[in-house]
Protein backbone atom coordinates (compact mmCIF):
# COMPACT_ATOMS: atom_id res chain seq x y z
CA UNK A 1 0.00 0.00 0.00
CA UNK A 2 2.94 2.34 0.36
CA UNK A 3 3.33 2.39 -3.45
CA UNK A 4 0.00 4.22 -3.81
CA UNK A 5 1.04 7.19 -1.67
CA UNK A 6 3.68 8.66 -4.05
CA UNK A 7 1.40 8.25 -7.06
CA UNK A 8 -1.46 9.97 -5.25
CA UNK A 9 0.81 12.83 -4.21
CA UNK A 10 2.05 13.31 -7.78
CA UNK A 11 -1.50 13.22 -9.09
CA UNK A 12 -2.61 15.78 -6.53
CA UNK A 13 0.27 18.10 -7.41
CA UNK A 14 -0.44 17.84 -11.13
CA UNK A 15 -4.14 18.51 -10.54
CA UNK A 16 -3.31 21.54 -8.41
CA UNK A 17 -1.06 22.86 -11.17
CA UNK A 18 -3.76 22.38 -13.82
CA UNK A 19 -6.42 24.05 -11.67
CA UNK A 20 -4.15 27.03 -10.97
CA UNK A 21 -3.41 27.39 -14.68
CA UNK A 22 -7.12 27.26 -15.51
CA UNK A 23 -8.03 29.84 -12.86
CA UNK A 24 -5.20 32.25 -13.76
CA UNK A 25 -4.79 32.13 -17.54
CA UNK A 26 -2.04 34.28 -18.93
CA UNK A 27 -2.65 36.65 -21.79
CA UNK A 28 -2.36 34.87 -25.12
CA UNK A 29 0.86 35.54 -26.96
CA UNK A 30 0.47 38.22 -29.58
CA UNK A 31 -2.69 39.76 -28.12
CA UNK A 32 -1.99 43.01 -26.35
CA UNK A 33 -4.51 45.66 -25.45
CA UNK A 34 -3.17 49.14 -26.03
CA UNK A 35 -5.45 51.81 -24.59
CA UNK A 36 -4.34 54.49 -27.06
CA UNK A 37 -4.93 52.19 -30.02
CA UNK A 38 -8.40 51.22 -28.76
CA UNK A 39 -9.27 54.87 -28.16
CA UNK A 40 -8.18 55.79 -31.68
CA UNK A 41 -10.27 53.03 -33.21
CA UNK A 42 -13.25 54.06 -31.11
CA UNK A 43 -12.94 57.68 -32.23
CA UNK A 44 -12.69 56.71 -35.90
CA UNK A 45 -15.69 54.39 -35.63
CA UNK A 46 -17.69 57.06 -33.82
CA UNK A 47 -16.81 59.68 -36.41
CA UNK A 48 -17.87 57.34 -39.21
CA UNK A 49 -21.20 56.65 -37.53
CA UNK A 50 -21.89 60.31 -36.75
CA UNK A 51 -20.92 61.67 -40.16
CA UNK A 52 -23.79 62.85 -42.37
CA UNK A 53 -24.94 60.51 -45.13
CA UNK A 54 -23.70 61.05 -48.66
CA UNK A 55 -25.99 63.28 -50.72
CA UNK A 56 -28.27 61.54 -53.18
CA UNK A 57 -28.81 62.88 -56.67
CA UNK A 58 -32.08 64.71 -57.21
CA UNK A 59 -34.52 63.08 -59.57
PDB file of N, CA and C in Angstrom:
ATOM      1  N   UNK A   1       0.809  -1.188   0.000  1.00  0.00           N
ATOM      2  CA  UNK A   1       0.000   0.000   0.000  1.00  0.00           C
ATOM      3  C   UNK A   1       0.856   1.257   0.000  1.00  0.00           C
ATOM      4  N   UNK A   2       2.085   1.156   0.340  1.00  0.00           N
ATOM      5  CA  UNK A   2       2.945   2.335   0.364  1.00  0.00           C
ATOM      6  C   UNK A   2       3.259   2.818  -1.055  1.00  0.00           C
ATOM      7  N   UNK A   3       3.065   1.967  -2.072  1.00  0.00           N
ATOM      8  CA  UNK A   3       3.330   2.386  -3.448  1.00  0.00           C
ATOM      9  C   UNK A   3       2.245   3.332  -3.966  1.00  0.00           C
ATOM     10  N   UNK A   4       1.078   3.332  -3.369  1.00  0.00           N
ATOM     11  CA  UNK A   4       0.004   4.217  -3.813  1.00  0.00           C
ATOM     12  C   UNK A   4       0.200   5.653  -3.331  1.00  0.00           C
ATOM     13  N   UNK A   5       0.860   5.845  -2.231  1.00  0.00           N
ATOM     14  CA  UNK A   5       1.039   7.185  -1.673  1.00  0.00           C
ATOM     15  C   UNK A   5       1.805   8.119  -2.620  1.00  0.00           C
ATOM     16  N   UNK A   6       2.965   7.742  -3.154  1.00  0.00           N
ATOM     17  CA  UNK A   6       3.679   8.660  -4.052  1.00  0.00           C
ATOM     18  C   UNK A   6       2.879   8.979  -5.316  1.00  0.00           C
ATOM     19  N   UNK A   7       2.184   8.004  -5.859  1.00  0.00           N
ATOM     20  CA  UNK A   7       1.399   8.249  -7.063  1.00  0.00           C
ATOM     21  C   UNK A   7       0.259   9.221  -6.774  1.00  0.00           C
ATOM     22  N   UNK A   8      -0.370   9.080  -5.623  1.00  0.00           N
ATOM     23  CA  UNK A   8      -1.461   9.969  -5.249  1.00  0.00           C
ATOM     24  C   UNK A   8      -0.943  11.388  -5.043  1.00  0.00           C
ATOM     25  N   UNK A   9       0.215  11.510  -4.428  1.00  0.00           N
ATOM     26  CA  UNK A   9       0.808  12.829  -4.208  1.00  0.00           C
ATOM     27  C   UNK A   9       1.157  13.509  -5.519  1.00  0.00           C
ATOM     28  N   UNK A  10       1.718  12.749  -6.470  1.00  0.00           N
ATOM     29  CA  UNK A  10       2.052  13.306  -7.778  1.00  0.00           C
ATOM     30  C   UNK A  10       0.791  13.726  -8.526  1.00  0.00           C
ATOM     31  N   UNK A  11      -0.240  12.906  -8.429  1.00  0.00           N
ATOM     32  CA  UNK A  11      -1.505  13.220  -9.092  1.00  0.00           C
ATOM     33  C   UNK A  11      -2.115  14.485  -8.500  1.00  0.00           C
ATOM     34  N   UNK A  12      -2.053  14.600  -7.192  1.00  0.00           N
ATOM     35  CA  UNK A  12      -2.614  15.775  -6.528  1.00  0.00           C
ATOM     36  C   UNK A  12      -1.849  17.032  -6.938  1.00  0.00           C
ATOM     37  N   UNK A  13      -0.534  16.946  -7.008  1.00  0.00           N
ATOM     38  CA  UNK A  13       0.265  18.105  -7.408  1.00  0.00           C
ATOM     39  C   UNK A  13      -0.020  18.497  -8.849  1.00  0.00           C
ATOM     40  N   UNK A  14      -0.158  17.515  -9.726  1.00  0.00           N
ATOM     41  CA  UNK A  14      -0.437  17.839 -11.125  1.00  0.00           C
ATOM     42  C   UNK A  14      -1.832  18.437 -11.280  1.00  0.00           C
ATOM     43  N   UNK A  15      -2.797  17.943 -10.505  1.00  0.00           N
ATOM     44  CA  UNK A  15      -4.144  18.513 -10.544  1.00  0.00           C
ATOM     45  C   UNK A  15      -4.149  19.946 -10.014  1.00  0.00           C
ATOM     46  N   UNK A  16      -3.398  20.185  -8.949  1.00  0.00           N
ATOM     47  CA  UNK A  16      -3.307  21.543  -8.409  1.00  0.00           C
ATOM     48  C   UNK A  16      -2.711  22.490  -9.440  1.00  0.00           C
ATOM     49  N   UNK A  17      -1.693  22.035 -10.148  1.00  0.00           N
ATOM     50  CA  UNK A  17      -1.061  22.857 -11.174  1.00  0.00           C
ATOM     51  C   UNK A  17      -2.035  23.162 -12.301  1.00  0.00           C
ATOM     52  N   UNK A  18      -2.794  22.177 -12.738  1.00  0.00           N
ATOM     53  CA  UNK A  18      -3.761  22.375 -13.815  1.00  0.00           C
ATOM     54  C   UNK A  18      -4.883  23.321 -13.395  1.00  0.00           C
ATOM     55  N   UNK A  19      -5.349  23.179 -12.161  1.00  0.00           N
ATOM     56  CA  UNK A  19      -6.420  24.050 -11.674  1.00  0.00           C
ATOM     57  C   UNK A  19      -5.918  25.490 -11.574  1.00  0.00           C
ATOM     58  N   UNK A  20      -4.718  25.681 -11.062  1.00  0.00           N
ATOM     59  CA  UNK A  20      -4.149  27.030 -10.967  1.00  0.00           C
ATOM     60  C   UNK A  20      -3.995  27.652 -12.349  1.00  0.00           C
ATOM     61  N   UNK A  21      -3.567  26.871 -13.317  1.00  0.00           N
ATOM     62  CA  UNK A  21      -3.413  27.387 -14.678  1.00  0.00           C
ATOM     63  C   UNK A  21      -4.764  27.747 -15.285  1.00  0.00           C
ATOM     64  N   UNK A  22      -5.788  26.978 -14.976  1.00  0.00           N
ATOM     65  CA  UNK A  22      -7.120  27.264 -15.511  1.00  0.00           C
ATOM     66  C   UNK A  22      -7.729  28.504 -14.856  1.00  0.00           C
ATOM     67  N   UNK A  23      -7.464  28.695 -13.574  1.00  0.00           N
ATOM     68  CA  UNK A  23      -8.026  29.841 -12.865  1.00  0.00           C
ATOM     69  C   UNK A  23      -7.283  31.138 -13.161  1.00  0.00           C
ATOM     70  N   UNK A  24      -6.012  31.059 -13.490  1.00  0.00           N
ATOM     71  CA  UNK A  24      -5.204  32.247 -13.756  1.00  0.00           C
ATOM     72  C   UNK A  24      -4.570  32.155 -15.142  1.00  0.00           C
ATOM     73  N   UNK A  25      -5.378  32.240 -16.201  1.00  0.00           N
ATOM     74  CA  UNK A  25      -4.788  32.129 -17.536  1.00  0.00           C
ATOM     75  C   UNK A  25      -3.976  33.373 -17.868  1.00  0.00           C
ATOM     76  N   UNK A  26      -2.850  33.159 -18.490  1.00  0.00           N
ATOM     77  CA  UNK A  26      -2.036  34.279 -18.931  1.00  0.00           C
ATOM     78  C   UNK A  26      -2.602  34.847 -20.210  1.00  0.00           C
ATOM     79  N   UNK A  27      -2.174  36.033 -20.555  1.00  0.00           N
ATOM     80  CA  UNK A  27      -2.650  36.646 -21.791  1.00  0.00           C
ATOM     81  C   UNK A  27      -2.020  35.906 -22.966  1.00  0.00           C
ATOM     82  N   UNK A  28      -2.838  35.619 -23.962  1.00  0.00           N
ATOM     83  CA  UNK A  28      -2.359  34.871 -25.123  1.00  0.00           C
ATOM     84  C   UNK A  28      -1.242  35.635 -25.805  1.00  0.00           C
ATOM     85  N   UNK A  29      -0.276  34.909 -26.308  1.00  0.00           N
ATOM     86  CA  UNK A  29       0.859  35.536 -26.964  1.00  0.00           C
ATOM     87  C   UNK A  29       0.409  36.243 -28.231  1.00  0.00           C
ATOM     88  N   UNK A  30       0.818  37.476 -28.385  1.00  0.00           N
ATOM     89  CA  UNK A  30       0.473  38.220 -29.580  1.00  0.00           C
ATOM     90  C   UNK A  30      -0.771  39.071 -29.435  1.00  0.00           C
ATOM     91  N   UNK A  31      -1.495  38.957 -28.343  1.00  0.00           N
ATOM     92  CA  UNK A  31      -2.691  39.759 -28.118  1.00  0.00           C
ATOM     93  C   UNK A  31      -2.413  40.735 -26.977  1.00  0.00           C
ATOM     94  N   UNK A  32      -2.258  41.987 -27.342  1.00  0.00           N
ATOM     95  CA  UNK A  32      -1.985  43.012 -26.346  1.00  0.00           C
ATOM     96  C   UNK A  32      -3.014  44.124 -26.498  1.00  0.00           C
ATOM     97  N   UNK A  33      -3.510  44.593 -25.416  1.00  0.00           N
ATOM     98  CA  UNK A  33      -4.515  45.657 -25.449  1.00  0.00           C
ATOM     99  C   UNK A  33      -3.833  46.983 -25.166  1.00  0.00           C
ATOM    100  N   UNK A  34      -3.772  47.827 -26.171  1.00  0.00           N
ATOM    101  CA  UNK A  34      -3.174  49.142 -26.033  1.00  0.00           C
ATOM    102  C   UNK A  34      -4.302  50.159 -25.928  1.00  0.00           C
ATOM    103  N   UNK A  35      -4.355  50.875 -24.835  1.00  0.00           N
ATOM    104  CA  UNK A  35      -5.448  51.809 -24.591  1.00  0.00           C
ATOM    105  C   UNK A  35      -5.506  52.894 -25.657  1.00  0.00           C
ATOM    106  N   UNK A  36      -4.350  53.424 -26.054  1.00  0.00           N
ATOM    107  CA  UNK A  36      -4.339  54.485 -27.063  1.00  0.00           C
ATOM    108  C   UNK A  36      -4.854  53.978 -28.397  1.00  0.00           C
ATOM    109  N   UNK A  37      -4.475  52.766 -28.754  1.00  0.00           N
ATOM    110  CA  UNK A  37      -4.933  52.191 -30.023  1.00  0.00           C
ATOM    111  C   UNK A  37      -6.447  51.969 -29.991  1.00  0.00           C
ATOM    112  N   UNK A  38      -6.954  51.451 -28.886  1.00  0.00           N
ATOM    113  CA  UNK A  38      -8.397  51.219 -28.762  1.00  0.00           C
ATOM    114  C   UNK A  38      -9.158  52.536 -28.804  1.00  0.00           C
ATOM    115  N   UNK A  39      -8.621  53.569 -28.150  1.00  0.00           N
ATOM    116  CA  UNK A  39      -9.273  54.871 -28.156  1.00  0.00           C
ATOM    117  C   UNK A  39      -9.311  55.444 -29.569  1.00  0.00           C
ATOM    118  N   UNK A  40      -8.214  55.302 -30.304  1.00  0.00           N
ATOM    119  CA  UNK A  40      -8.180  55.788 -31.683  1.00  0.00           C
ATOM    120  C   UNK A  40      -9.197  55.083 -32.559  1.00  0.00           C
ATOM    121  N   UNK A  41      -9.291  53.782 -32.425  1.00  0.00           N
ATOM    122  CA  UNK A  41     -10.268  53.026 -33.213  1.00  0.00           C
ATOM    123  C   UNK A  41     -11.692  53.408 -32.836  1.00  0.00           C
ATOM    124  N   UNK A  42     -11.925  53.649 -31.564  1.00  0.00           N
ATOM    125  CA  UNK A  42     -13.251  54.055 -31.109  1.00  0.00           C
ATOM    126  C   UNK A  42     -13.624  55.425 -31.670  1.00  0.00           C
ATOM    127  N   UNK A  43     -12.671  56.352 -31.682  1.00  0.00           N
ATOM    128  CA  UNK A  43     -12.941  57.682 -32.226  1.00  0.00           C
ATOM    129  C   UNK A  43     -13.227  57.632 -33.720  1.00  0.00           C
ATOM    130  N   UNK A  44     -12.469  56.831 -34.458  1.00  0.00           N
ATOM    131  CA  UNK A  44     -12.689  56.705 -35.903  1.00  0.00           C
ATOM    132  C   UNK A  44     -14.052  56.075 -36.175  1.00  0.00           C
ATOM    133  N   UNK A  45     -14.390  55.044 -35.437  1.00  0.00           N
ATOM    134  CA  UNK A  45     -15.686  54.385 -35.631  1.00  0.00           C
ATOM    135  C   UNK A  45     -16.828  55.334 -35.271  1.00  0.00           C
ATOM    136  N   UNK A  46     -16.662  56.099 -34.203  1.00  0.00           N
ATOM    137  CA  UNK A  46     -17.690  57.060 -33.815  1.00  0.00           C
ATOM    138  C   UNK A  46     -17.852  58.159 -34.844  1.00  0.00           C
ATOM    139  N   UNK A  47     -16.743  58.640 -35.394  1.00  0.00           N
ATOM    140  CA  UNK A  47     -16.814  59.685 -36.414  1.00  0.00           C
ATOM    141  C   UNK A  47     -17.504  59.160 -37.667  1.00  0.00           C
ATOM    142  N   UNK A  48     -17.237  57.924 -38.019  1.00  0.00           N
ATOM    143  CA  UNK A  48     -17.871  57.345 -39.212  1.00  0.00           C
ATOM    144  C   UNK A  48     -19.378  57.186 -39.004  1.00  0.00           C
ATOM    145  N   UNK A  49     -19.773  56.827 -37.802  1.00  0.00           N
ATOM    146  CA  UNK A  49     -21.201  56.651 -37.529  1.00  0.00           C
ATOM    147  C   UNK A  49     -21.935  57.987 -37.412  1.00  0.00           C
ATOM    148  N   UNK A  50     -21.254  59.018 -36.945  1.00  0.00           N
ATOM    149  CA  UNK A  50     -21.893  60.315 -36.746  1.00  0.00           C
ATOM    150  C   UNK A  50     -21.807  61.221 -37.967  1.00  0.00           C
ATOM    151  N   UNK A  51     -21.041  60.829 -38.970  1.00  0.00           N
ATOM    152  CA  UNK A  51     -20.915  61.675 -40.158  1.00  0.00           C
ATOM    153  C   UNK A  51     -22.228  61.671 -40.932  1.00  0.00           C
ATOM    154  N   UNK A  52     -22.527  62.787 -41.618  1.00  0.00           N
ATOM    155  CA  UNK A  52     -23.790  62.846 -42.370  1.00  0.00           C
ATOM    156  C   UNK A  52     -23.756  61.885 -43.558  1.00  0.00           C
ATOM    157  N   UNK A  53     -24.907  61.441 -43.994  1.00  0.00           N
ATOM    158  CA  UNK A  53     -24.938  60.515 -45.132  1.00  0.00           C
ATOM    159  C   UNK A  53     -24.525  61.233 -46.418  1.00  0.00           C
ATOM    160  N   UNK A  54     -24.095  60.460 -47.376  1.00  0.00           N
ATOM    161  CA  UNK A  54     -23.698  61.050 -48.656  1.00  0.00           C
ATOM    162  C   UNK A  54     -24.937  61.584 -49.362  1.00  0.00           C
ATOM    163  N   UNK A  55     -24.813  62.714 -50.046  1.00  0.00           N
ATOM    164  CA  UNK A  55     -25.985  63.277 -50.723  1.00  0.00           C
ATOM    165  C   UNK A  55     -26.420  62.400 -51.889  1.00  0.00           C
ATOM    166  N   UNK A  56     -27.720  62.326 -52.079  1.00  0.00           N
ATOM    167  CA  UNK A  56     -28.271  61.537 -53.183  1.00  0.00           C
ATOM    168  C   UNK A  56     -28.619  62.483 -54.330  1.00  0.00           C
ATOM    169  N   UNK A  57     -28.464  62.013 -55.537  1.00  0.00           N
ATOM    170  CA  UNK A  57     -28.806  62.880 -56.672  1.00  0.00           C
ATOM    171  C   UNK A  57     -30.312  63.143 -56.715  1.00  0.00           C
ATOM    172  N   UNK A  58     -30.663  64.352 -57.111  1.00  0.00           N
ATOM    173  CA  UNK A  58     -32.084  64.713 -57.209  1.00  0.00           C
ATOM    174  C   UNK A  58     -32.660  64.132 -58.484  1.00  0.00           C
ATOM    175  N   UNK A  59     -33.866  63.692 -58.403  1.00  0.00           N
ATOM    176  CA  UNK A  59     -34.515  63.085 -59.570  1.00  0.00           C
ATOM    177  C   UNK A  59     -35.167  64.122 -60.430  1.00  0.00           C
TER     178      UNK A  59
END
